[in-house]
Amino acid sequence: MGVQPTKSRFPSDVASCRRALRDVGLRATPARIAVLQLIRQEVRPLSHADVCDALGETQWNRSTLWRNLCDLETAGLVQRKALGDRLFRFEHTRDEAADDHHAHPHFICVSCGDVSCLPEETFQWNAPRIAPRSVRQGHAEVEVRGVCDDCNEDDTPISSG
């Protein structure tokens, strides 16, 4: 995969996940805790299939995991992202206490379809006054498309033209 931090910065222990669930009024069921732990541990957005693969279908079926992802989204603990490939992905909400979440950029490989989170500092919001308010305030989403390092077979830099 391309650019990724080495680990998530969100607490993913059972006690933290249980507390986060209860703080938003959700029951801390084993399935919800497992899904929230997984999302918090990852450094990239996960699809429903990714969650099912990671947690296996031994304890919970696909529909249970889907319902839990939707519950976590409704409660504001995760965000659902549609990145243009007709596949929803879920990622941890940056600030669970805030109602409006600052978006961070994503890198999408046009070859393999891998999605990675880019550091928030990757782009600076220097929008002119005529830009929509959401852009000026940094509440818009940025998607960068290109070929990831794994798909770029040679290590030669891509020329700018």
Foldseek 3Di string as FASTA:
>chain_A
DFDWDPWAPDDLDLVVQCVVQVVLPHHSDVLLSLLLSVQRTDQWWAFLVRSCVVVPPPPPHSVVNVVSQVVCVVSQQWPWDDDPPPTITIHGQPDSVDPQGQEFEWEAEPPPGDIGTDPNVPDDQPDDPPDDPCSNVRRDYHYHYHHGPVRPPDPDDDDPD
